[in-house]
Amino acid sequence: MDLIMEQMPIVIQALNVGFIQTLKLFFVTLIGALPLGLLIAFGSMSRFKPLSWLMKTIVWIIRGTPLMIQLLIIFYFPGLALDNNVWGSGETGRFIAASIGFIINYACYFSEIYRGGIQGVPVGQEEAGLVLGMTRRQIFFRIKLLQMIKRIVPPISNEIITLVKDTSLARTIALQEIIWAGQSFLRGSQGIRGAVWPLFFTAFYYLIWNGVVTVLLGRLERKLDYFR
């Protein structure tokens, strides 16, 4: 116990640095994936069949393969194919590659949620809007959009909570997020080797952050109750 107390300041400092990297990846993924998912949803519902088939094929591939494999392909394949690592070997390059992988993956999942929300609005409401002389753009933004948001918040919330934990997969390409920081003391870091407890301690970081996200998303759902 005395040894753990001596190691605690060093471990906490390293885990805090890793957790900041995890938070950065989390927010960058959301900022990129939420709007991109909407664009993919519109593409998959497009009446232009080649675009619709292309978007559906991309979504099928991304949803049908592990995120870990996608990260490995995005980070390593350009170097193998072009004989030049476009991301570079530094932490910044790894973060950019991981961000792109997460954004594409979650955008595809979000797109299916968006599509279900849009198509879940009764067709009669669109027909009523057309009868009243509204354009399809006006119908979407004034009638469908808010109802769609109400429908998609629960499944989107579930995906966001999953994202909190999925950020740990970034260690696959050696991004130094919080799990990587915890494992470093098992391998040997800053004079500490064979320490397993820092890795288990990372669970508290995920638990606390998941709790914060759950509370915030729960408040958002309650604010949208007026659609009931």
C-alpha atoms as a PDB file:
ATOM      1  CA  MET A   1       0.000   0.000   0.000  1.00  0.00           C
ATOM      2  CA  ASP A   2       2.843   2.407   0.814  1.00  0.00           C
ATOM      3  CA  LEU A   3       4.326   1.758  -2.633  1.00  0.00           C
ATOM      4  CA  ILE A   4       1.005   2.547  -4.310  1.00  0.00           C
ATOM      5  CA  MET A   5       0.710   5.801  -2.366  1.00  0.00           C
ATOM      6  CA  GLU A   6       4.197   6.772  -3.517  1.00  0.00           C
ATOM      7  CA  GLN A   7       3.350   5.981  -7.142  1.00  0.00           C
ATOM      8  CA  MET A   8      -0.059   7.687  -7.024  1.00  0.00           C
ATOM      9  CA  PRO A   9       1.000  11.290  -7.991  1.00  0.00           C
ATOM     10  CA  ILE A  10       2.988  10.063 -11.007  1.00  0.00           C
ATOM     11  CA  VAL A  11       0.173   7.770 -12.165  1.00  0.00           C
ATOM     12  CA  ILE A  12      -2.582  10.373 -11.710  1.00  0.00           C
ATOM     13  CA  GLN A  13      -0.604  12.947 -13.697  1.00  0.00           C
ATOM     14  CA  ALA A  14      -0.096  10.493 -16.578  1.00  0.00           C
ATOM     15  CA  LEU A  15      -3.740   9.391 -16.533  1.00  0.00           C
ATOM     16  CA  ASN A  16      -4.916  13.008 -16.566  1.00  0.00           C
ATOM     17  CA  VAL A  17      -2.834  13.677 -19.687  1.00  0.00           C
ATOM     18  CA  GLY A  18      -4.247  10.553 -21.331  1.00  0.00           C
ATOM     19  CA  PHE A  19      -7.790  11.494 -20.334  1.00  0.00           C
ATOM     20  CA  ILE A  20      -7.423  14.920 -21.942  1.00  0.00           C
ATOM     21  CA  GLN A  21      -6.449  13.170 -25.183  1.00  0.00           C
ATOM     22  CA  THR A  22      -9.505  10.928 -24.799  1.00  0.00           C
ATOM     23  CA  LEU A  23     -11.779  13.956 -24.318  1.00  0.00           C
ATOM     24  CA  LYS A  24     -10.299  15.674 -27.378  1.00  0.00           C
ATOM     25  CA  LEU A  25     -10.979  12.592 -29.500  1.00  0.00           C
ATOM     26  CA  PHE A  26     -14.517  12.354 -28.097  1.00  0.00           C
ATOM     27  CA  PHE A  27     -15.458  15.960 -28.905  1.00  0.00           C
ATOM     28  CA  VAL A  28     -13.749  16.025 -32.310  1.00  0.00           C
ATOM     29  CA  THR A  29     -15.639  12.853 -33.255  1.00  0.00           C
ATOM     30  CA  LEU A  30     -18.988  14.349 -32.264  1.00  0.00           C
ATOM     31  CA  ILE A  31     -18.326  17.662 -34.016  1.00  0.00           C
ATOM     32  CA  GLY A  32     -17.431  15.853 -37.238  1.00  0.00           C
ATOM     33  CA  ALA A  33     -19.751  12.836 -37.147  1.00  0.00           C
ATOM     34  CA  LEU A  34     -23.070  14.521 -36.314  1.00  0.00           C
ATOM     35  CA  PRO A  35     -23.252  16.757 -39.420  1.00  0.00           C
ATOM     36  CA  LEU A  36     -21.525  14.214 -41.681  1.00  0.00           C
ATOM     37  CA  GLY A  37     -24.034  11.579 -40.619  1.00  0.00           C
ATOM     38  CA  LEU A  38     -26.885  13.848 -41.702  1.00  0.00           C
ATOM     39  CA  LEU A  39     -25.287  14.346 -45.119  1.00  0.00           C
ATOM     40  CA  ILE A  40     -24.834  10.588 -45.515  1.00  0.00           C
ATOM     41  CA  ALA A  41     -28.479  10.065 -44.520  1.00  0.00           C
ATOM     42  CA  PHE A  42     -29.635  12.520 -47.184  1.00  0.00           C
ATOM     43  CA  GLY A  43     -27.388  10.778 -49.704  1.00  0.00           C
ATOM     44  CA  SER A  44     -28.764   7.331 -48.871  1.00  0.00           C
ATOM     45  CA  MET A  45     -32.328   8.647 -49.272  1.00  0.00           C
ATOM     46  CA  SER A  46     -31.537  10.497 -52.503  1.00  0.00           C
ATOM     47  CA  ARG A  47     -33.640   9.777 -55.571  1.00  0.00           C
ATOM     48  CA  PHE A  48     -30.383   9.773 -57.560  1.00  0.00           C
ATOM     49  CA  LYS A  49     -29.782   6.028 -57.407  1.00  0.00           C
ATOM     50  CA  PRO A  50     -25.974   5.968 -57.940  1.00  0.00           C
ATOM     51  CA  LEU A  51     -25.517   8.333 -54.971  1.00  0.00           C
ATOM     52  CA  SER A  52     -27.978   6.365 -52.863  1.00  0.00           C
ATOM     53  CA  TRP A  53     -26.264   3.045 -53.644  1.00  0.00           C
ATOM     54  CA  LEU A  54     -22.829   4.535 -52.951  1.00  0.00           C
ATOM     55  CA  MET A  55     -23.858   5.878 -49.539  1.00  0.00           C
ATOM     56  CA  LYS A  56     -25.616   2.640 -48.586  1.00  0.00           C
ATOM     57  CA  THR A  57     -22.561   0.615 -49.627  1.00  0.00           C
ATOM     58  CA  ILE A  58     -20.238   2.785 -47.549  1.00  0.00           C
ATOM     59  CA  VAL A  59     -22.544   2.503 -44.534  1.00  0.00           C
ATOM     60  CA  TRP A  60     -22.768  -1.270 -45.016  1.00  0.00           C
ATOM     61  CA  ILE A  61     -18.967  -1.638 -45.127  1.00  0.00           C
ATOM     62  CA  ILE A  62     -18.322   0.608 -42.127  1.00  0.00           C
ATOM     63  CA  ARG A  63     -21.035  -0.954 -39.978  1.00  0.00           C
ATOM     64  CA  GLY A  64     -20.008  -4.444 -41.006  1.00  0.00           C
ATOM     65  CA  THR A  65     -16.329  -4.207 -40.065  1.00  0.00           C
ATOM     66  CA  PRO A  66     -14.661  -3.621 -36.667  1.00  0.00           C
ATOM     67  CA  LEU A  67     -13.629  -0.080 -35.804  1.00  0.00           C
ATOM     68  CA  MET A  68     -10.225  -1.400 -34.754  1.00  0.00           C
ATOM     69  CA  ILE A  69      -9.557  -2.715 -38.274  1.00  0.00           C
ATOM     70  CA  GLN A  70     -10.744   0.574 -39.786  1.00  0.00           C
ATOM     71  CA  LEU A  71      -8.260   2.513 -37.634  1.00  0.00           C
ATOM     72  CA  LEU A  72      -5.424   0.227 -38.670  1.00  0.00           C
ATOM     73  CA  ILE A  73      -6.314   0.605 -42.364  1.00  0.00           C
ATOM     74  CA  ILE A  74      -6.630   4.396 -42.171  1.00  0.00           C
ATOM     75  CA  PHE A  75      -3.332   4.797 -40.339  1.00  0.00           C
ATOM     76  CA  TYR A  76      -1.138   2.178 -42.025  1.00  0.00           C
ATOM     77  CA  PHE A  77      -2.586   1.614 -45.516  1.00  0.00           C
ATOM     78  CA  PRO A  78      -1.508   4.984 -47.040  1.00  0.00           C
ATOM     79  CA  GLY A  79       2.076   4.230 -46.017  1.00  0.00           C
ATOM     80  CA  LEU A  80       1.931   0.724 -47.471  1.00  0.00           C
ATOM     81  CA  ALA A  81       0.245   1.799 -50.713  1.00  0.00           C
ATOM     82  CA  LEU A  82       2.073   5.091 -51.291  1.00  0.00           C
ATOM     83  CA  ASP A  83       5.313   4.161 -49.522  1.00  0.00           C
ATOM     84  CA  ASN A  84       4.867   7.345 -47.538  1.00  0.00           C
ATOM     85  CA  ASN A  85       3.224   7.687 -44.139  1.00  0.00           C
ATOM     86  CA  VAL A  86       0.957  10.653 -44.777  1.00  0.00           C
ATOM     87  CA  TRP A  87       0.138  10.980 -41.076  1.00  0.00           C
ATOM     88  CA  GLY A  88       3.684  11.217 -39.833  1.00  0.00           C
ATOM     89  CA  SER A  89       5.045   9.383 -36.810  1.00  0.00           C
ATOM     90  CA  GLY A  90       4.171  11.912 -34.122  1.00  0.00           C
ATOM     91  CA  GLU A  91       1.246  12.049 -31.726  1.00  0.00           C
ATOM     92  CA  THR A  92      -0.474  14.724 -33.824  1.00  0.00           C
ATOM     93  CA  GLY A  93      -0.547  12.489 -36.882  1.00  0.00           C
ATOM     94  CA  ARG A  94      -1.913   9.587 -34.875  1.00  0.00           C
ATOM     95  CA  PHE A  95      -4.611  11.823 -33.420  1.00  0.00           C
ATOM     96  CA  ILE A  96      -5.665  13.065 -36.873  1.00  0.00           C
ATOM     97  CA  ALA A  97      -5.824   9.502 -38.230  1.00  0.00           C
ATOM     98  CA  ALA A  98      -7.819   8.321 -35.211  1.00  0.00           C
ATOM     99  CA  SER A  99     -10.199  11.285 -35.502  1.00  0.00           C
ATOM    100  CA  ILE A 100     -10.891  10.574 -39.169  1.00  0.00           C
ATOM    101  CA  GLY A 101     -11.507   6.900 -38.411  1.00  0.00           C
ATOM    102  CA  PHE A 102     -13.902   7.658 -35.565  1.00  0.00           C
ATOM    103  CA  ILE A 103     -15.737  10.384 -37.490  1.00  0.00           C
ATOM    104  CA  ILE A 104     -16.370   8.135 -40.504  1.00  0.00           C
ATOM    105  CA  ASN A 105     -17.424   5.202 -38.331  1.00  0.00           C
ATOM    106  CA  TYR A 106     -19.832   7.125 -36.127  1.00  0.00           C
ATOM    107  CA  ALA A 107     -21.173   9.215 -39.011  1.00  0.00           C
ATOM    108  CA  CYS A 108     -22.361   5.997 -40.662  1.00  0.00           C
ATOM    109  CA  TYR A 109     -24.113   4.869 -37.496  1.00  0.00           C
ATOM    110  CA  PHE A 110     -25.630   8.320 -36.965  1.00  0.00           C
ATOM    111  CA  SER A 111     -26.819   8.368 -40.590  1.00  0.00           C
ATOM    112  CA  GLU A 112     -28.998   5.310 -40.020  1.00  0.00           C
ATOM    113  CA  ILE A 113     -30.469   6.911 -36.908  1.00  0.00           C
ATOM    114  CA  TYR A 114     -31.157  10.123 -38.836  1.00  0.00           C
ATOM    115  CA  ARG A 115     -32.735   8.182 -41.689  1.00  0.00           C
ATOM    116  CA  GLY A 116     -35.006   6.293 -39.312  1.00  0.00           C
ATOM    117  CA  GLY A 117     -36.021   9.534 -37.610  1.00  0.00           C
ATOM    118  CA  ILE A 118     -36.813  11.310 -40.867  1.00  0.00           C
ATOM    119  CA  GLN A 119     -38.726   8.411 -42.347  1.00  0.00           C
ATOM    120  CA  GLY A 120     -40.561   7.904 -39.054  1.00  0.00           C
ATOM    121  CA  VAL A 121     -42.432  11.197 -39.443  1.00  0.00           C
ATOM    122  CA  PRO A 122     -45.878  10.382 -40.919  1.00  0.00           C
ATOM    123  CA  VAL A 123     -46.105  10.962 -44.680  1.00  0.00           C
ATOM    124  CA  GLY A 124     -49.434  12.700 -44.185  1.00  0.00           C
ATOM    125  CA  GLN A 125     -47.693  15.668 -42.587  1.00  0.00           C
ATOM    126  CA  GLU A 126     -45.565  16.206 -45.683  1.00  0.00           C
ATOM    127  CA  GLU A 127     -48.619  15.895 -47.900  1.00  0.00           C
ATOM    128  CA  ALA A 128     -50.468  18.443 -45.748  1.00  0.00           C
ATOM    129  CA  GLY A 129     -47.546  20.827 -46.077  1.00  0.00           C
ATOM    130  CA  LEU A 130     -47.552  20.482 -49.863  1.00  0.00           C
ATOM    131  CA  VAL A 131     -51.284  21.171 -49.942  1.00  0.00           C
ATOM    132  CA  LEU A 132     -50.665  24.358 -47.965  1.00  0.00           C
ATOM    133  CA  GLY A 133     -48.149  25.462 -50.585  1.00  0.00           C
ATOM    134  CA  MET A 134     -44.980  24.834 -48.568  1.00  0.00           C
ATOM    135  CA  THR A 135     -41.792  23.792 -50.317  1.00  0.00           C
ATOM    136  CA  ARG A 136     -40.073  20.527 -49.369  1.00  0.00           C
ATOM    137  CA  ARG A 137     -37.327  22.564 -47.708  1.00  0.00           C
ATOM    138  CA  GLN A 138     -39.888  24.407 -45.578  1.00  0.00           C
ATOM    139  CA  ILE A 139     -41.614  21.135 -44.715  1.00  0.00           C
ATOM    140  CA  PHE A 140     -38.339  19.608 -43.548  1.00  0.00           C
ATOM    141  CA  PHE A 141     -37.192  22.509 -41.384  1.00  0.00           C
ATOM    142  CA  ARG A 142     -40.601  23.580 -40.024  1.00  0.00           C
ATOM    143  CA  ILE A 143     -42.392  20.244 -39.666  1.00  0.00           C
ATOM    144  CA  LYS A 144     -40.052  17.257 -39.847  1.00  0.00           C
ATOM    145  CA  LEU A 145     -36.841  18.484 -38.204  1.00  0.00           C
ATOM    146  CA  LEU A 146     -38.019  19.014 -34.624  1.00  0.00           C
ATOM    147  CA  GLN A 147     -40.042  15.798 -34.643  1.00  0.00           C
ATOM    148  CA  MET A 148     -37.012  13.961 -36.019  1.00  0.00           C
ATOM    149  CA  ILE A 149     -34.808  15.351 -33.240  1.00  0.00           C
ATOM    150  CA  LYS A 150     -37.234  14.066 -30.615  1.00  0.00           C
ATOM    151  CA  ARG A 151     -37.185  10.594 -32.172  1.00  0.00           C
ATOM    152  CA  ILE A 152     -33.420  10.308 -32.591  1.00  0.00           C
ATOM    153  CA  VAL A 153     -32.205  11.653 -29.233  1.00  0.00           C
ATOM    154  CA  PRO A 154     -32.483   8.292 -27.348  1.00  0.00           C
ATOM    155  CA  PRO A 155     -30.574   6.207 -29.953  1.00  0.00           C
ATOM    156  CA  ILE A 156     -28.064   9.020 -30.545  1.00  0.00           C
ATOM    157  CA  SER A 157     -27.533   9.211 -26.782  1.00  0.00           C
ATOM    158  CA  ASN A 158     -26.800   5.509 -26.682  1.00  0.00           C
ATOM    159  CA  GLU A 159     -24.200   5.864 -29.468  1.00  0.00           C
ATOM    160  CA  ILE A 160     -22.570   8.822 -27.706  1.00  0.00           C
ATOM    161  CA  ILE A 161     -22.224   6.817 -24.488  1.00  0.00           C
ATOM    162  CA  THR A 162     -20.706   3.978 -26.528  1.00  0.00           C
ATOM    163  CA  LEU A 163     -18.284   6.489 -28.071  1.00  0.00           C
ATOM    164  CA  VAL A 164     -16.953   7.368 -24.617  1.00  0.00           C
ATOM    165  CA  LYS A 165     -15.732   3.772 -24.222  1.00  0.00           C
ATOM    166  CA  ASP A 166     -14.790   3.218 -27.876  1.00  0.00           C
ATOM    167  CA  THR A 167     -12.171   5.959 -27.686  1.00  0.00           C
ATOM    168  CA  SER A 168      -9.989   3.353 -25.962  1.00  0.00           C
ATOM    169  CA  LEU A 169      -9.593   1.644 -29.357  1.00  0.00           C
ATOM    170  CA  ALA A 170      -7.357   4.521 -30.442  1.00  0.00           C
ATOM    171  CA  ARG A 171      -4.512   2.790 -28.607  1.00  0.00           C
ATOM    172  CA  THR A 172      -4.527   0.334 -31.540  1.00  0.00           C
ATOM    173  CA  ILE A 173      -2.488   2.892 -33.479  1.00  0.00           C
ATOM    174  CA  ALA A 174      -0.513   3.891 -30.369  1.00  0.00           C
ATOM    175  CA  LEU A 175      -2.458   7.080 -29.650  1.00  0.00           C
ATOM    176  CA  GLN A 176      -1.604   7.889 -26.048  1.00  0.00           C
ATOM    177  CA  GLU A 177      -5.114   8.078 -24.629  1.00  0.00           C
ATOM    178  CA  ILE A 178      -6.009   7.059 -21.080  1.00  0.00           C
ATOM    179  CA  ILE A 179      -5.842   3.258 -21.540  1.00  0.00           C
ATOM    180  CA  TRP A 180      -2.436   3.630 -23.184  1.00  0.00           C
ATOM    181  CA  ALA A 181      -1.334   5.719 -20.206  1.00  0.00           C
ATOM    182  CA  GLY A 182      -2.543   3.039 -17.800  1.00  0.00           C
ATOM    183  CA  GLN A 183      -0.791   0.264 -19.708  1.00  0.00           C
ATOM    184  CA  SER A 184       2.472   2.203 -19.788  1.00  0.00           C
ATOM    185  CA  PHE A 185       3.015   1.514 -16.080  1.00  0.00           C
ATOM    186  CA  LEU A 186       2.595  -2.187 -16.718  1.00  0.00           C
ATOM    187  CA  ARG A 187       5.256  -2.108 -19.440  1.00  0.00           C
ATOM    188  CA  GLY A 188       7.508   0.264 -17.549  1.00  0.00           C
ATOM    189  CA  SER A 189       7.138   4.043 -17.449  1.00  0.00           C
ATOM    190  CA  GLN A 190       8.699   6.765 -15.305  1.00  0.00           C
ATOM    191  CA  GLY A 191      10.438   4.193 -13.132  1.00  0.00           C
ATOM    192  CA  ILE A 192       7.307   2.098 -12.553  1.00  0.00           C
ATOM    193  CA  ARG A 193       7.084  -1.414 -14.021  1.00  0.00           C
ATOM    194  CA  GLY A 194       4.615  -4.253 -13.529  1.00  0.00           C
ATOM    195  CA  ALA A 195       1.961  -2.039 -11.895  1.00  0.00           C
ATOM    196  CA  VAL A 196      -1.498  -3.312 -12.884  1.00  0.00           C
ATOM    197  CA  TRP A 197      -3.617  -1.061 -10.680  1.00  0.00           C
ATOM    198  CA  PRO A 198      -3.224   2.103 -12.856  1.00  0.00           C
ATOM    199  CA  LEU A 199      -4.920   0.256 -15.721  1.00  0.00           C
ATOM    200  CA  PHE A 200      -7.870  -0.695 -13.511  1.00  0.00           C
ATOM    201  CA  PHE A 201      -7.986   2.863 -12.170  1.00  0.00           C
ATOM    202  CA  THR A 202      -8.807   4.166 -15.654  1.00  0.00           C
ATOM    203  CA  ALA A 203     -12.287   2.645 -15.256  1.00  0.00           C
ATOM    204  CA  PHE A 204     -13.152   5.444 -12.803  1.00  0.00           C
ATOM    205  CA  TYR A 205     -12.378   8.058 -15.438  1.00  0.00           C
ATOM    206  CA  TYR A 206     -14.720   6.385 -17.930  1.00  0.00           C
ATOM    207  CA  LEU A 207     -17.397   5.877 -15.269  1.00  0.00           C
ATOM    208  CA  ILE A 208     -17.353   9.517 -14.192  1.00  0.00           C
ATOM    209  CA  TRP A 209     -17.340  10.872 -17.756  1.00  0.00           C
ATOM    210  CA  ASN A 210     -20.128   8.481 -18.772  1.00  0.00           C
ATOM    211  CA  GLY A 211     -22.125   9.712 -15.795  1.00  0.00           C
ATOM    212  CA  VAL A 212     -21.704  13.341 -16.859  1.00  0.00           C
ATOM    213  CA  VAL A 213     -22.699  12.555 -20.458  1.00  0.00           C
ATOM    214  CA  THR A 214     -25.711  10.506 -19.317  1.00  0.00           C
ATOM    215  CA  VAL A 215     -26.990  13.341 -17.100  1.00  0.00           C
ATOM    216  CA  LEU A 216     -26.597  15.937 -19.872  1.00  0.00           C
ATOM    217  CA  LEU A 217     -28.333  13.768 -22.457  1.00  0.00           C
ATOM    218  CA  GLY A 218     -31.102  12.959 -19.974  1.00  0.00           C
ATOM    219  CA  ARG A 219     -31.751  16.671 -19.511  1.00  0.00           C
ATOM    220  CA  LEU A 220     -31.898  17.116 -23.287  1.00  0.00           C
ATOM    221  CA  GLU A 221     -34.498  14.358 -23.569  1.00  0.00           C
ATOM    222  CA  ARG A 222     -36.631  15.969 -20.859  1.00  0.00           C
ATOM    223  CA  LYS A 223     -36.495  19.325 -22.646  1.00  0.00           C
ATOM    224  CA  LEU A 224     -37.887  17.661 -25.761  1.00  0.00           C
ATOM    225  CA  ASP A 225     -40.844  16.123 -23.906  1.00  0.00           C
ATOM    226  CA  TYR A 226     -43.176  18.824 -25.250  1.00  0.00           C
ATOM    227  CA  PHE A 227     -43.413  16.850 -28.516  1.00  0.00           C
ATOM    228  CA  ARG A 228     -45.334  14.093 -26.734  1.00  0.00           C
END
